[in-house]
Amino acid sequence: MPPLEGTVRGLVETALSDADPDGPLRWNVISELWQRADLESFVEARRLCEAGTLKERLLGVDVMGMLRPFADRALPVLRRLAAGEDDPMLLYSVLVAFGHLADPRALPSVIDLAGHGDARVRYGAAYALQHVLGDPPDQAGLDALRLLASDADADVAAWAALGVALAMGEDV
């Protein structure tokens, strides 16, 4: 797919027109905004995170997680969503965003969601934890990751076990 052009708002409208939340058009837009990594893209992502529809909030979270230069501004928005949302897919996306931002300040939010009843959310927590543990690894975060390594869901357990091995510096 060739690079997209246009205003940030126009790109967002294009992404929102994709009926598939994992669709190539949507993710091409997210990639374009990630490459721009400018204040306008962050402001639009923040606006989307506060929008009334789940589809808009999901897009906002997915964009925000790619904007590392704005981690200081993104973390409070994402932490608020982690504490206040109940949709498993949105919580999963928030956790993946925390993982992409790789900022240990997200650790309390990730630990809070590690025991969620939905396996998708726990999978997101297993992914995020290994990226937000800090150096040296936070003990509470390692404990949460170890607990997830024995999760009833095989995918959650496998991802968490990998995270534990990586955090402990083991060969994988």
C-alpha atoms as a PDB file:
ATOM      1  CA  MET A   1       0.000   0.000   0.000  1.00  0.00           C
ATOM      2  CA  PRO A   2       1.540   3.372  -0.960  1.00  0.00           C
ATOM      3  CA  PRO A   3       2.081   6.028   1.715  1.00  0.00           C
ATOM      4  CA  LEU A   4      -1.018   8.019   2.578  1.00  0.00           C
ATOM      5  CA  GLU A   5      -1.158  11.750   2.252  1.00  0.00           C
ATOM      6  CA  GLY A   6      -3.389  14.385   3.737  1.00  0.00           C
ATOM      7  CA  THR A   7      -4.175  16.106   6.978  1.00  0.00           C
ATOM      8  CA  VAL A   8      -4.082  14.231  10.246  1.00  0.00           C
ATOM      9  CA  ARG A   9      -7.847  14.615  10.601  1.00  0.00           C
ATOM     10  CA  GLY A  10      -8.327  13.349   7.041  1.00  0.00           C
ATOM     11  CA  LEU A  11      -6.126  10.330   7.753  1.00  0.00           C
ATOM     12  CA  VAL A  12      -8.122   9.597  10.897  1.00  0.00           C
ATOM     13  CA  GLU A  13     -11.379   9.732   8.940  1.00  0.00           C
ATOM     14  CA  THR A  14      -9.849   7.312   6.442  1.00  0.00           C
ATOM     15  CA  ALA A  15      -8.885   4.913   9.238  1.00  0.00           C
ATOM     16  CA  LEU A  16     -12.338   5.151  10.805  1.00  0.00           C
ATOM     17  CA  SER A  17     -13.897   4.235   7.459  1.00  0.00           C
ATOM     18  CA  ASP A  18     -12.188   0.822   7.582  1.00  0.00           C
ATOM     19  CA  ALA A  19     -14.801  -1.599   8.929  1.00  0.00           C
ATOM     20  CA  ASP A  20     -12.116  -4.055  10.032  1.00  0.00           C
ATOM     21  CA  PRO A  21     -10.328  -2.991  13.252  1.00  0.00           C
ATOM     22  CA  ASP A  22      -7.325  -4.970  12.029  1.00  0.00           C
ATOM     23  CA  GLY A  23      -7.730  -3.825   8.446  1.00  0.00           C
ATOM     24  CA  PRO A  24      -4.759  -2.805   6.310  1.00  0.00           C
ATOM     25  CA  LEU A  25      -6.112   0.678   5.612  1.00  0.00           C
ATOM     26  CA  ARG A  26      -6.533   1.426   9.323  1.00  0.00           C
ATOM     27  CA  TRP A  27      -3.051   0.172  10.154  1.00  0.00           C
ATOM     28  CA  ASN A  28      -1.520   1.995   7.213  1.00  0.00           C
ATOM     29  CA  VAL A  29      -2.928   5.230   8.667  1.00  0.00           C
ATOM     30  CA  ILE A  30      -1.571   4.361  12.113  1.00  0.00           C
ATOM     31  CA  SER A  31       1.828   3.700  10.538  1.00  0.00           C
ATOM     32  CA  GLU A  32       1.709   7.040   8.738  1.00  0.00           C
ATOM     33  CA  LEU A  33       0.899   8.884  11.971  1.00  0.00           C
ATOM     34  CA  TRP A  34       3.660   6.956  13.758  1.00  0.00           C
ATOM     35  CA  GLN A  35       6.143   8.093  11.108  1.00  0.00           C
ATOM     36  CA  ARG A  36       4.985  11.698  11.447  1.00  0.00           C
ATOM     37  CA  ALA A  37       5.215  11.518  15.260  1.00  0.00           C
ATOM     38  CA  ASP A  38       4.200  15.165  15.485  1.00  0.00           C
ATOM     39  CA  LEU A  39       2.178  17.150  17.984  1.00  0.00           C
ATOM     40  CA  GLU A  40      -0.817  17.286  15.646  1.00  0.00           C
ATOM     41  CA  SER A  41      -0.958  13.474  15.523  1.00  0.00           C
ATOM     42  CA  PHE A  42      -0.752  13.269  19.318  1.00  0.00           C
ATOM     43  CA  VAL A  43      -3.480  15.889  19.821  1.00  0.00           C
ATOM     44  CA  GLU A  44      -5.756  14.011  17.428  1.00  0.00           C
ATOM     45  CA  ALA A  45      -5.031  10.697  19.177  1.00  0.00           C
ATOM     46  CA  ARG A  46      -5.850  12.297  22.542  1.00  0.00           C
ATOM     47  CA  ARG A  47      -9.107  13.667  21.126  1.00  0.00           C
ATOM     48  CA  LEU A  48     -10.012  10.203  19.850  1.00  0.00           C
ATOM     49  CA  CYS A  49      -9.267   8.649  23.257  1.00  0.00           C
ATOM     50  CA  GLU A  50     -11.952  10.913  24.723  1.00  0.00           C
ATOM     51  CA  ALA A  51     -14.488  10.290  21.942  1.00  0.00           C
ATOM     52  CA  GLY A  52     -17.913   8.792  22.444  1.00  0.00           C
ATOM     53  CA  THR A  53     -17.521   5.692  20.300  1.00  0.00           C
ATOM     54  CA  LEU A  54     -15.446   2.630  21.028  1.00  0.00           C
ATOM     55  CA  LYS A  55     -14.142   2.610  17.446  1.00  0.00           C
ATOM     56  CA  GLU A  56     -12.710   6.123  17.876  1.00  0.00           C
ATOM     57  CA  ARG A  57     -11.200   5.367  21.288  1.00  0.00           C
ATOM     58  CA  LEU A  58      -9.569   2.203  19.927  1.00  0.00           C
ATOM     59  CA  LEU A  59      -8.007   4.152  17.087  1.00  0.00           C
ATOM     60  CA  GLY A  60      -6.837   6.859  19.494  1.00  0.00           C
ATOM     61  CA  VAL A  61      -5.175   4.295  21.750  1.00  0.00           C
ATOM     62  CA  ASP A  62      -3.532   2.491  18.826  1.00  0.00           C
ATOM     63  CA  VAL A  63      -2.099   5.766  17.508  1.00  0.00           C
ATOM     64  CA  MET A  64      -1.060   7.030  20.932  1.00  0.00           C
ATOM     65  CA  GLY A  65       0.872   3.863  21.660  1.00  0.00           C
ATOM     66  CA  MET A  66       3.033   4.524  18.624  1.00  0.00           C
ATOM     67  CA  LEU A  67       3.969   8.081  19.586  1.00  0.00           C
ATOM     68  CA  ARG A  68       6.931   7.521  21.916  1.00  0.00           C
ATOM     69  CA  PRO A  69       8.087  11.158  21.762  1.00  0.00           C
ATOM     70  CA  PHE A  70       4.839  12.016  23.588  1.00  0.00           C
ATOM     71  CA  ALA A  71       5.007   9.315  26.278  1.00  0.00           C
ATOM     72  CA  ASP A  72       4.873  11.899  29.097  1.00  0.00           C
ATOM     73  CA  ARG A  73       1.577  13.198  27.744  1.00  0.00           C
ATOM     74  CA  ALA A  74       0.217   9.836  26.614  1.00  0.00           C
ATOM     75  CA  LEU A  75       0.657   7.912  29.869  1.00  0.00           C
ATOM     76  CA  PRO A  76      -1.948   9.845  31.900  1.00  0.00           C
ATOM     77  CA  VAL A  77      -4.502   9.429  29.095  1.00  0.00           C
ATOM     78  CA  LEU A  78      -3.816   5.711  28.776  1.00  0.00           C
ATOM     79  CA  ARG A  79      -3.793   5.174  32.549  1.00  0.00           C
ATOM     80  CA  ARG A  80      -7.189   6.882  32.806  1.00  0.00           C
ATOM     81  CA  LEU A  81      -8.555   4.574  30.115  1.00  0.00           C
ATOM     82  CA  ALA A  82      -7.023   1.544  31.841  1.00  0.00           C
ATOM     83  CA  ALA A  83      -8.829   2.458  35.054  1.00  0.00           C
ATOM     84  CA  GLY A  84     -12.123   3.595  33.568  1.00  0.00           C
ATOM     85  CA  GLU A  85     -12.928   1.389  30.590  1.00  0.00           C
ATOM     86  CA  ASP A  86     -14.433  -2.073  30.652  1.00  0.00           C
ATOM     87  CA  ASP A  87     -14.310  -3.188  27.014  1.00  0.00           C
ATOM     88  CA  PRO A  88     -11.764  -6.051  26.801  1.00  0.00           C
ATOM     89  CA  MET A  89     -10.542  -5.062  23.329  1.00  0.00           C
ATOM     90  CA  LEU A  90      -9.926  -1.475  24.415  1.00  0.00           C
ATOM     91  CA  LEU A  91      -8.114  -2.626  27.551  1.00  0.00           C
ATOM     92  CA  TYR A  92      -6.014  -4.991  25.430  1.00  0.00           C
ATOM     93  CA  SER A  93      -5.109  -2.090  23.126  1.00  0.00           C
ATOM     94  CA  VAL A  94      -4.210   0.118  26.089  1.00  0.00           C
ATOM     95  CA  LEU A  95      -1.897  -2.602  27.387  1.00  0.00           C
ATOM     96  CA  VAL A  96      -0.236  -3.015  23.999  1.00  0.00           C
ATOM     97  CA  ALA A  97       0.212   0.774  23.883  1.00  0.00           C
ATOM     98  CA  PHE A  98       1.883   0.652  27.312  1.00  0.00           C
ATOM     99  CA  GLY A  99       4.196  -2.039  25.975  1.00  0.00           C
ATOM    100  CA  HIS A 100       5.098   0.013  22.911  1.00  0.00           C
ATOM    101  CA  LEU A 101       5.799   3.098  25.019  1.00  0.00           C
ATOM    102  CA  ALA A 102       7.968   0.931  27.336  1.00  0.00           C
ATOM    103  CA  ASP A 103       7.691   3.352  30.251  1.00  0.00           C
ATOM    104  CA  PRO A 104       7.881   1.908  33.786  1.00  0.00           C
ATOM    105  CA  ARG A 105       5.394   4.527  34.991  1.00  0.00           C
ATOM    106  CA  ALA A 106       2.701   2.381  33.351  1.00  0.00           C
ATOM    107  CA  LEU A 107       3.524  -0.584  35.608  1.00  0.00           C
ATOM    108  CA  PRO A 108       0.797  -0.002  38.251  1.00  0.00           C
ATOM    109  CA  SER A 109      -1.898   0.091  35.561  1.00  0.00           C
ATOM    110  CA  VAL A 110      -0.556  -3.045  33.915  1.00  0.00           C
ATOM    111  CA  ILE A 111      -0.411  -4.929  37.220  1.00  0.00           C
ATOM    112  CA  ASP A 112      -3.999  -3.878  37.950  1.00  0.00           C
ATOM    113  CA  LEU A 113      -5.169  -5.419  34.674  1.00  0.00           C
ATOM    114  CA  ALA A 114      -3.045  -8.570  34.902  1.00  0.00           C
ATOM    115  CA  GLY A 115      -5.777 -10.325  36.876  1.00  0.00           C
ATOM    116  CA  HIS A 116      -8.626  -9.358  34.542  1.00  0.00           C
ATOM    117  CA  GLY A 117     -11.266 -11.990  33.809  1.00  0.00           C
ATOM    118  CA  ASP A 118     -10.827 -11.782  30.029  1.00  0.00           C
ATOM    119  CA  ALA A 119      -7.882 -13.696  28.532  1.00  0.00           C
ATOM    120  CA  ARG A 120      -7.320 -10.995  25.879  1.00  0.00           C
ATOM    121  CA  VAL A 121      -6.675  -8.456  28.608  1.00  0.00           C
ATOM    122  CA  ARG A 122      -4.351 -10.791  30.493  1.00  0.00           C
ATOM    123  CA  TYR A 123      -2.510 -11.466  27.210  1.00  0.00           C
ATOM    124  CA  GLY A 124      -2.065  -7.717  26.768  1.00  0.00           C
ATOM    125  CA  ALA A 125      -0.773  -7.486  30.339  1.00  0.00           C
ATOM    126  CA  ALA A 126       1.708 -10.314  29.697  1.00  0.00           C
ATOM    127  CA  TYR A 127       2.966  -8.421  26.646  1.00  0.00           C
ATOM    128  CA  ALA A 128       3.162  -5.055  28.406  1.00  0.00           C
ATOM    129  CA  LEU A 129       4.768  -6.245  31.642  1.00  0.00           C
ATOM    130  CA  GLN A 130       8.026  -7.323  30.079  1.00  0.00           C
ATOM    131  CA  HIS A 131       8.402  -3.841  28.563  1.00  0.00           C
ATOM    132  CA  VAL A 132       7.526  -1.775  31.637  1.00  0.00           C
ATOM    133  CA  LEU A 133       9.313  -3.697  34.418  1.00  0.00           C
ATOM    134  CA  GLY A 134      12.192  -1.228  34.558  1.00  0.00           C
ATOM    135  CA  ASP A 135      15.859  -1.931  35.154  1.00  0.00           C
ATOM    136  CA  PRO A 136      16.357  -3.638  37.502  1.00  0.00           C
ATOM    137  CA  PRO A 137      12.979  -5.350  37.092  1.00  0.00           C
ATOM    138  CA  ASP A 138      10.311  -4.297  39.590  1.00  0.00           C
ATOM    139  CA  GLN A 139       9.513  -7.177  41.972  1.00  0.00           C
ATOM    140  CA  ALA A 140       5.721  -6.653  41.924  1.00  0.00           C
ATOM    141  CA  GLY A 141       5.806  -6.609  38.130  1.00  0.00           C
ATOM    142  CA  LEU A 142       7.872  -9.803  38.023  1.00  0.00           C
ATOM    143  CA  ASP A 143       5.452 -11.449  40.449  1.00  0.00           C
ATOM    144  CA  ALA A 144       2.510 -10.490  38.198  1.00  0.00           C
ATOM    145  CA  LEU A 145       4.353 -11.845  35.153  1.00  0.00           C
ATOM    146  CA  ARG A 146       5.151 -15.109  36.954  1.00  0.00           C
ATOM    147  CA  LEU A 147       1.511 -15.479  37.953  1.00  0.00           C
ATOM    148  CA  LEU A 148       0.472 -14.976  34.326  1.00  0.00           C
ATOM    149  CA  ALA A 149       2.998 -17.648  33.299  1.00  0.00           C
ATOM    150  CA  SER A 150       0.713 -20.171  35.008  1.00  0.00           C
ATOM    151  CA  ASP A 151      -2.477 -18.759  33.477  1.00  0.00           C
ATOM    152  CA  ALA A 152      -5.185 -21.193  32.354  1.00  0.00           C
ATOM    153  CA  ASP A 153      -5.042 -19.679  28.863  1.00  0.00           C
ATOM    154  CA  ALA A 154      -2.090 -21.244  27.030  1.00  0.00           C
ATOM    155  CA  ASP A 155      -1.319 -18.142  24.956  1.00  0.00           C
ATOM    156  CA  VAL A 156      -1.240 -15.906  28.036  1.00  0.00           C
ATOM    157  CA  ALA A 157       0.948 -18.386  29.897  1.00  0.00           C
ATOM    158  CA  ALA A 158       3.387 -18.771  26.996  1.00  0.00           C
ATOM    159  CA  TRP A 159       3.770 -15.026  26.444  1.00  0.00           C
ATOM    160  CA  ALA A 160       4.249 -14.415  30.161  1.00  0.00           C
ATOM    161  CA  ALA A 161       6.807 -17.236  30.445  1.00  0.00           C
ATOM    162  CA  LEU A 162       8.773 -15.627  27.625  1.00  0.00           C
ATOM    163  CA  GLY A 163       8.565 -12.300  29.452  1.00  0.00           C
ATOM    164  CA  VAL A 164       9.880 -13.846  32.671  1.00  0.00           C
ATOM    165  CA  ALA A 165      12.777 -15.456  30.797  1.00  0.00           C
ATOM    166  CA  LEU A 166      13.657 -12.173  29.088  1.00  0.00           C
ATOM    167  CA  ALA A 167      13.403 -10.208  32.336  1.00  0.00           C
ATOM    168  CA  MET A 168      15.703 -12.675  34.058  1.00  0.00           C
ATOM    169  CA  GLY A 169      18.226 -12.525  31.227  1.00  0.00           C
ATOM    170  CA  GLU A 170      17.749 -16.165  30.288  1.00  0.00           C
ATOM    171  CA  ASP A 171      18.420 -17.481  26.813  1.00  0.00           C
ATOM    172  CA  VAL A 172      15.175 -18.059  24.934  1.00  0.00           C
END
